[in-house]
């Protein structure tokens, strides 16, 4: 008796086998010392201050009256328990980053989320901007670190309405803040590069599906 296999079933079997293979490769790569990543939490001793000035430059000094907070942190939720007129606008987070860079290492900042736009600065140099309140993001800081080991990290977070960022409206509050943990990542010079999602992505130039080849 000859058994015939449906192309769809065969495709699913191959797909499942491919996922298992990629998972095994992923595990082996991350288990290798060459791909090791040191993960240091940077969640304590942040100075927080709200600001009514949009697109303001990094303040030269931290306000001595700034609130000291730990991450995760958000603003607006307390006011929202009483009224819908909670603060929506920019705010600053500051903290010292005492780290003396080593020549054979690379350094990255990873934020698990910020609501809803975040501009990140190190030693008054802008690293970049992340737009969107629900995804992680990462910036390399290797060349931005001070040789003497004293660094000032500043993050400007803005939860004001943004026409290009969902959700645009709803019967809920859009709180602001660094509401998930933040990390300092340290890797060797030759290493997989961390991403916001902290995973590896394997791509194939072509894959065969029941409907034909795709890229």
C-alpha atoms as a PDB file:
ATOM      1  CA  UNK A   1       0.000   0.000   0.000  1.00  0.00           C
ATOM      2  CA  UNK A   2       1.437   3.391  -1.030  1.00  0.00           C
ATOM      3  CA  UNK A   3       0.810   6.288   1.319  1.00  0.00           C
ATOM      4  CA  UNK A   4       0.459   9.706  -0.271  1.00  0.00           C
ATOM      5  CA  UNK A   5       1.317  12.762   1.771  1.00  0.00           C
ATOM      6  CA  UNK A   6      -0.587  15.977   1.249  1.00  0.00           C
ATOM      7  CA  UNK A   7       1.726  18.868   0.167  1.00  0.00           C
ATOM      8  CA  UNK A   8       0.154  20.971   2.928  1.00  0.00           C
ATOM      9  CA  UNK A   9       0.915  18.353   5.594  1.00  0.00           C
ATOM     10  CA  UNK A  10       4.439  17.935   4.245  1.00  0.00           C
ATOM     11  CA  UNK A  11       4.948  21.680   4.327  1.00  0.00           C
ATOM     12  CA  UNK A  12       3.763  21.807   7.933  1.00  0.00           C
ATOM     13  CA  UNK A  13       6.094  18.968   8.883  1.00  0.00           C
ATOM     14  CA  UNK A  14       9.040  20.698   7.251  1.00  0.00           C
ATOM     15  CA  UNK A  15       8.068  23.952   8.884  1.00  0.00           C
ATOM     16  CA  UNK A  16       7.914  22.322  12.312  1.00  0.00           C
ATOM     17  CA  UNK A  17      11.292  20.690  11.726  1.00  0.00           C
ATOM     18  CA  UNK A  18      12.765  24.004  10.641  1.00  0.00           C
ATOM     19  CA  UNK A  19      11.496  25.742  13.768  1.00  0.00           C
ATOM     20  CA  UNK A  20      13.048  23.044  15.960  1.00  0.00           C
ATOM     21  CA  UNK A  21      16.373  23.384  14.129  1.00  0.00           C
ATOM     22  CA  UNK A  22      16.402  27.173  14.479  1.00  0.00           C
ATOM     23  CA  UNK A  23      15.498  26.885  18.149  1.00  0.00           C
ATOM     24  CA  UNK A  24      18.391  24.484  18.703  1.00  0.00           C
ATOM     25  CA  UNK A  25      20.801  26.808  16.874  1.00  0.00           C
ATOM     26  CA  UNK A  26      19.538  29.762  18.915  1.00  0.00           C
ATOM     27  CA  UNK A  27      20.118  27.921  22.193  1.00  0.00           C
ATOM     28  CA  UNK A  28      23.618  26.806  21.178  1.00  0.00           C
ATOM     29  CA  UNK A  29      24.606  30.318  20.110  1.00  0.00           C
ATOM     30  CA  UNK A  30      23.450  31.982  23.307  1.00  0.00           C
ATOM     31  CA  UNK A  31      25.013  29.222  25.425  1.00  0.00           C
ATOM     32  CA  UNK A  32      28.393  29.815  23.781  1.00  0.00           C
ATOM     33  CA  UNK A  33      30.821  32.063  25.725  1.00  0.00           C
ATOM     34  CA  UNK A  34      31.477  33.969  22.484  1.00  0.00           C
ATOM     35  CA  UNK A  35      27.863  35.147  22.538  1.00  0.00           C
ATOM     36  CA  UNK A  36      27.566  35.786  26.267  1.00  0.00           C
ATOM     37  CA  UNK A  37      25.867  39.002  27.337  1.00  0.00           C
ATOM     38  CA  UNK A  38      26.282  40.535  30.786  1.00  0.00           C
ATOM     39  CA  UNK A  39      22.960  41.972  31.902  1.00  0.00           C
ATOM     40  CA  UNK A  40      23.012  44.644  34.621  1.00  0.00           C
ATOM     41  CA  UNK A  41      19.770  46.170  35.831  1.00  0.00           C
ATOM     42  CA  UNK A  42      19.748  49.987  36.002  1.00  0.00           C
ATOM     43  CA  UNK A  43      16.409  50.435  37.722  1.00  0.00           C
ATOM     44  CA  UNK A  44      17.265  52.290  40.923  1.00  0.00           C
ATOM     45  CA  UNK A  45      18.144  55.878  41.820  1.00  0.00           C
ATOM     46  CA  UNK A  46      16.509  57.651  38.882  1.00  0.00           C
ATOM     47  CA  UNK A  47      15.588  61.319  39.305  1.00  0.00           C
ATOM     48  CA  UNK A  48      12.224  62.177  37.800  1.00  0.00           C
ATOM     49  CA  UNK A  49      10.848  65.583  36.916  1.00  0.00           C
ATOM     50  CA  UNK A  50       7.888  66.552  34.736  1.00  0.00           C
ATOM     51  CA  UNK A  51       8.359  69.369  32.241  1.00  0.00           C
ATOM     52  CA  UNK A  52       5.881  71.572  30.420  1.00  0.00           C
ATOM     53  CA  UNK A  53       8.473  72.512  27.795  1.00  0.00           C
ATOM     54  CA  UNK A  54       8.227  70.439  24.629  1.00  0.00           C
ATOM     55  CA  UNK A  55      11.406  69.528  22.729  1.00  0.00           C
ATOM     56  CA  UNK A  56      13.554  71.035  25.455  1.00  0.00           C
ATOM     57  CA  UNK A  57      17.304  70.413  25.556  1.00  0.00           C
ATOM     58  CA  UNK A  58      18.793  68.233  28.240  1.00  0.00           C
ATOM     59  CA  UNK A  59      18.895  70.272  31.469  1.00  0.00           C
ATOM     60  CA  UNK A  60      22.438  71.067  32.540  1.00  0.00           C
ATOM     61  CA  UNK A  61      21.762  69.900  36.078  1.00  0.00           C
ATOM     62  CA  UNK A  62      19.189  67.734  37.751  1.00  0.00           C
ATOM     63  CA  UNK A  63      16.597  69.662  39.704  1.00  0.00           C
ATOM     64  CA  UNK A  64      17.412  69.187  43.416  1.00  0.00           C
ATOM     65  CA  UNK A  65      13.677  68.859  44.038  1.00  0.00           C
ATOM     66  CA  UNK A  66      13.305  66.045  41.521  1.00  0.00           C
ATOM     67  CA  UNK A  67      11.590  62.928  42.804  1.00  0.00           C
ATOM     68  CA  UNK A  68      13.825  59.880  43.276  1.00  0.00           C
ATOM     69  CA  UNK A  69      12.148  56.840  41.737  1.00  0.00           C
ATOM     70  CA  UNK A  70      12.884  53.245  40.816  1.00  0.00           C
ATOM     71  CA  UNK A  71      11.844  51.540  37.607  1.00  0.00           C
ATOM     72  CA  UNK A  72       9.288  50.480  36.594  1.00  0.00           C
ATOM     73  CA  UNK A  73       7.744  53.936  37.013  1.00  0.00           C
ATOM     74  CA  UNK A  74       4.848  55.805  35.425  1.00  0.00           C
ATOM     75  CA  UNK A  75       2.966  59.014  35.952  1.00  0.00           C
ATOM     76  CA  UNK A  76      -0.676  59.959  35.556  1.00  0.00           C
ATOM     77  CA  UNK A  77      -2.285  56.886  37.067  1.00  0.00           C
ATOM     78  CA  UNK A  78      -2.933  58.536  40.447  1.00  0.00           C
ATOM     79  CA  UNK A  79      -4.644  61.562  38.896  1.00  0.00           C
ATOM     80  CA  UNK A  80      -6.648  59.286  36.606  1.00  0.00           C
ATOM     81  CA  UNK A  81      -8.278  57.701  39.650  1.00  0.00           C
ATOM     82  CA  UNK A  82      -9.911  61.073  40.307  1.00  0.00           C
ATOM     83  CA  UNK A  83     -10.190  62.886  36.972  1.00  0.00           C
ATOM     84  CA  UNK A  84      -9.447  62.367  33.284  1.00  0.00           C
ATOM     85  CA  UNK A  85      -7.307  65.519  33.270  1.00  0.00           C
ATOM     86  CA  UNK A  86      -4.035  63.806  34.112  1.00  0.00           C
ATOM     87  CA  UNK A  87      -0.683  65.107  32.850  1.00  0.00           C
ATOM     88  CA  UNK A  88       0.138  64.309  29.232  1.00  0.00           C
ATOM     89  CA  UNK A  89       3.423  65.794  28.122  1.00  0.00           C
ATOM     90  CA  UNK A  90       7.187  65.461  28.457  1.00  0.00           C
ATOM     91  CA  UNK A  91       9.109  64.403  31.543  1.00  0.00           C
ATOM     92  CA  UNK A  92      12.757  63.680  32.293  1.00  0.00           C
ATOM     93  CA  UNK A  93      14.480  60.735  33.926  1.00  0.00           C
ATOM     94  CA  UNK A  94      18.120  61.125  35.042  1.00  0.00           C
ATOM     95  CA  UNK A  95      20.633  58.789  36.601  1.00  0.00           C
ATOM     96  CA  UNK A  96      24.376  58.389  36.933  1.00  0.00           C
ATOM     97  CA  UNK A  97      25.949  55.496  35.045  1.00  0.00           C
ATOM     98  CA  UNK A  98      29.258  54.745  36.784  1.00  0.00           C
ATOM     99  CA  UNK A  99      31.114  52.485  34.386  1.00  0.00           C
ATOM    100  CA  UNK A 100      34.685  52.646  33.142  1.00  0.00           C
ATOM    101  CA  UNK A 101      34.703  51.191  29.604  1.00  0.00           C
ATOM    102  CA  UNK A 102      37.036  48.354  28.719  1.00  0.00           C
ATOM    103  CA  UNK A 103      38.652  48.359  25.277  1.00  0.00           C
ATOM    104  CA  UNK A 104      37.620  44.786  24.453  1.00  0.00           C
ATOM    105  CA  UNK A 105      33.946  45.267  25.357  1.00  0.00           C
ATOM    106  CA  UNK A 106      30.824  46.778  23.798  1.00  0.00           C
ATOM    107  CA  UNK A 107      28.069  48.449  25.815  1.00  0.00           C
ATOM    108  CA  UNK A 108      24.353  48.811  25.163  1.00  0.00           C
ATOM    109  CA  UNK A 109      21.324  50.349  26.871  1.00  0.00           C
ATOM    110  CA  UNK A 110      18.092  48.391  26.641  1.00  0.00           C
ATOM    111  CA  UNK A 111      14.692  49.689  27.748  1.00  0.00           C
ATOM    112  CA  UNK A 112      11.834  47.229  27.856  1.00  0.00           C
ATOM    113  CA  UNK A 113       9.283  49.976  27.152  1.00  0.00           C
ATOM    114  CA  UNK A 114       8.592  53.712  27.393  1.00  0.00           C
ATOM    115  CA  UNK A 115       5.243  55.444  26.979  1.00  0.00           C
ATOM    116  CA  UNK A 116       5.004  56.692  24.370  1.00  0.00           C
ATOM    117  CA  UNK A 117       8.033  58.507  22.843  1.00  0.00           C
ATOM    118  CA  UNK A 118      11.520  58.294  24.325  1.00  0.00           C
ATOM    119  CA  UNK A 119      14.631  60.357  23.503  1.00  0.00           C
ATOM    120  CA  UNK A 120      17.760  58.935  25.123  1.00  0.00           C
ATOM    121  CA  UNK A 121      20.884  60.962  25.915  1.00  0.00           C
ATOM    122  CA  UNK A 122      24.231  59.984  27.395  1.00  0.00           C
ATOM    123  CA  UNK A 123      26.622  62.723  28.501  1.00  0.00           C
ATOM    124  CA  UNK A 124      24.416  65.244  26.660  1.00  0.00           C
ATOM    125  CA  UNK A 125      24.766  63.347  23.370  1.00  0.00           C
ATOM    126  CA  UNK A 126      21.543  62.080  21.832  1.00  0.00           C
ATOM    127  CA  UNK A 127      21.610  58.340  21.201  1.00  0.00           C
ATOM    128  CA  UNK A 128      18.301  58.226  19.367  1.00  0.00           C
ATOM    129  CA  UNK A 129      14.538  58.195  19.647  1.00  0.00           C
ATOM    130  CA  UNK A 130      12.043  55.369  20.064  1.00  0.00           C
ATOM    131  CA  UNK A 131       8.384  55.821  19.127  1.00  0.00           C
ATOM    132  CA  UNK A 132       5.754  53.442  20.460  1.00  0.00           C
ATOM    133  CA  UNK A 133       4.717  52.573  23.975  1.00  0.00           C
ATOM    134  CA  UNK A 134       4.741  48.788  23.991  1.00  0.00           C
ATOM    135  CA  UNK A 135       8.029  47.509  22.569  1.00  0.00           C
ATOM    136  CA  UNK A 136      11.608  47.285  23.794  1.00  0.00           C
ATOM    137  CA  UNK A 137      14.471  49.236  22.235  1.00  0.00           C
ATOM    138  CA  UNK A 138      18.244  49.264  22.441  1.00  0.00           C
ATOM    139  CA  UNK A 139      21.095  51.735  21.805  1.00  0.00           C
ATOM    140  CA  UNK A 140      24.825  51.078  21.697  1.00  0.00           C
ATOM    141  CA  UNK A 141      26.810  53.440  23.943  1.00  0.00           C
ATOM    142  CA  UNK A 142      30.359  52.086  23.518  1.00  0.00           C
ATOM    143  CA  UNK A 143      31.722  55.259  21.939  1.00  0.00           C
ATOM    144  CA  UNK A 144      29.652  57.563  24.147  1.00  0.00           C
ATOM    145  CA  UNK A 145      31.012  56.442  27.506  1.00  0.00           C
ATOM    146  CA  UNK A 146      33.371  58.744  29.384  1.00  0.00           C
ATOM    147  CA  UNK A 147      36.861  57.302  29.858  1.00  0.00           C
ATOM    148  CA  UNK A 148      36.886  58.298  33.541  1.00  0.00           C
ATOM    149  CA  UNK A 149      33.740  56.284  34.218  1.00  0.00           C
ATOM    150  CA  UNK A 150      31.309  59.085  35.186  1.00  0.00           C
ATOM    151  CA  UNK A 151      28.333  59.210  32.862  1.00  0.00           C
ATOM    152  CA  UNK A 152      25.000  61.038  32.975  1.00  0.00           C
ATOM    153  CA  UNK A 153      22.075  59.189  31.470  1.00  0.00           C
ATOM    154  CA  UNK A 154      18.969  61.199  30.584  1.00  0.00           C
ATOM    155  CA  UNK A 155      15.720  59.969  29.058  1.00  0.00           C
ATOM    156  CA  UNK A 156      12.994  62.309  27.899  1.00  0.00           C
ATOM    157  CA  UNK A 157       9.644  60.511  27.811  1.00  0.00           C
ATOM    158  CA  UNK A 158       6.534  62.106  26.327  1.00  0.00           C
ATOM    159  CA  UNK A 159       3.013  60.655  26.612  1.00  0.00           C
ATOM    160  CA  UNK A 160       1.256  63.452  24.745  1.00  0.00           C
ATOM    161  CA  UNK A 161      -1.024  62.372  21.852  1.00  0.00           C
ATOM    162  CA  UNK A 162       0.946  61.383  18.739  1.00  0.00           C
ATOM    163  CA  UNK A 163      -0.841  61.137  15.369  1.00  0.00           C
ATOM    164  CA  UNK A 164       1.455  58.328  14.183  1.00  0.00           C
ATOM    165  CA  UNK A 165       1.364  56.150  17.304  1.00  0.00           C
ATOM    166  CA  UNK A 166      -1.504  53.863  18.241  1.00  0.00           C
ATOM    167  CA  UNK A 167      -3.778  53.887  20.090  1.00  0.00           C
ATOM    168  CA  UNK A 168      -5.094  57.240  18.893  1.00  0.00           C
ATOM    169  CA  UNK A 169      -8.133  57.186  21.185  1.00  0.00           C
ATOM    170  CA  UNK A 170     -10.057  54.985  23.582  1.00  0.00           C
ATOM    171  CA  UNK A 171     -11.816  54.821  26.911  1.00  0.00           C
ATOM    172  CA  UNK A 172      -8.566  54.367  28.816  1.00  0.00           C
ATOM    173  CA  UNK A 173      -5.655  56.439  30.047  1.00  0.00           C
ATOM    174  CA  UNK A 174      -2.293  56.696  28.310  1.00  0.00           C
ATOM    175  CA  UNK A 175       0.078  56.944  31.221  1.00  0.00           C
ATOM    176  CA  UNK A 176       3.660  58.082  30.668  1.00  0.00           C
ATOM    177  CA  UNK A 177       6.945  56.756  31.921  1.00  0.00           C
ATOM    178  CA  UNK A 178       9.608  54.088  31.865  1.00  0.00           C
ATOM    179  CA  UNK A 179       7.104  51.524  33.024  1.00  0.00           C
ATOM    180  CA  UNK A 180       9.259  48.438  32.455  1.00  0.00           C
ATOM    181  CA  UNK A 181      12.844  47.646  33.569  1.00  0.00           C
ATOM    182  CA  UNK A 182      16.007  49.019  31.944  1.00  0.00           C
ATOM    183  CA  UNK A 183      19.330  47.254  31.430  1.00  0.00           C
ATOM    184  CA  UNK A 184      23.003  47.854  30.755  1.00  0.00           C
ATOM    185  CA  UNK A 185      24.271  45.086  28.465  1.00  0.00           C
ATOM    186  CA  UNK A 186      27.962  44.256  28.067  1.00  0.00           C
ATOM    187  CA  UNK A 187      29.305  42.026  25.285  1.00  0.00           C
ATOM    188  CA  UNK A 188      32.661  41.086  23.796  1.00  0.00           C
ATOM    189  CA  UNK A 189      33.865  42.952  20.711  1.00  0.00           C
ATOM    190  CA  UNK A 190      32.936  39.946  18.583  1.00  0.00           C
ATOM    191  CA  UNK A 191      29.418  39.020  19.578  1.00  0.00           C
ATOM    192  CA  UNK A 192      25.851  38.898  18.411  1.00  0.00           C
ATOM    193  CA  UNK A 193      24.445  42.403  18.559  1.00  0.00           C
ATOM    194  CA  UNK A 194      21.624  42.830  21.090  1.00  0.00           C
ATOM    195  CA  UNK A 195      18.318  44.103  19.784  1.00  0.00           C
ATOM    196  CA  UNK A 196      15.318  45.524  21.516  1.00  0.00           C
ATOM    197  CA  UNK A 197      13.619  42.133  21.600  1.00  0.00           C
ATOM    198  CA  UNK A 198      16.823  40.310  22.595  1.00  0.00           C
ATOM    199  CA  UNK A 199      16.536  37.544  20.018  1.00  0.00           C
ATOM    200  CA  UNK A 200      18.234  36.313  16.879  1.00  0.00           C
ATOM    201  CA  UNK A 201      16.658  36.504  13.464  1.00  0.00           C
ATOM    202  CA  UNK A 202      17.421  33.905  10.798  1.00  0.00           C
ATOM    203  CA  UNK A 203      16.275  34.611   7.263  1.00  0.00           C
ATOM    204  CA  UNK A 204      16.134  32.456   4.163  1.00  0.00           C
ATOM    205  CA  UNK A 205      16.362  33.878   0.625  1.00  0.00           C
ATOM    206  CA  UNK A 206      13.401  31.727  -0.448  1.00  0.00           C
ATOM    207  CA  UNK A 207      10.899  29.391   1.108  1.00  0.00           C
ATOM    208  CA  UNK A 208       8.526  26.969  -0.615  1.00  0.00           C
ATOM    209  CA  UNK A 209       4.899  27.032   0.444  1.00  0.00           C
ATOM    210  CA  UNK A 210       1.844  25.256  -0.995  1.00  0.00           C
ATOM    211  CA  UNK A 211       1.047  28.413  -2.950  1.00  0.00           C
ATOM    212  CA  UNK A 212       4.537  28.660  -4.452  1.00  0.00           C
ATOM    213  CA  UNK A 213       7.916  30.199  -3.615  1.00  0.00           C
ATOM    214  CA  UNK A 214       8.066  33.389  -1.598  1.00  0.00           C
ATOM    215  CA  UNK A 215      10.892  35.608  -0.468  1.00  0.00           C
END
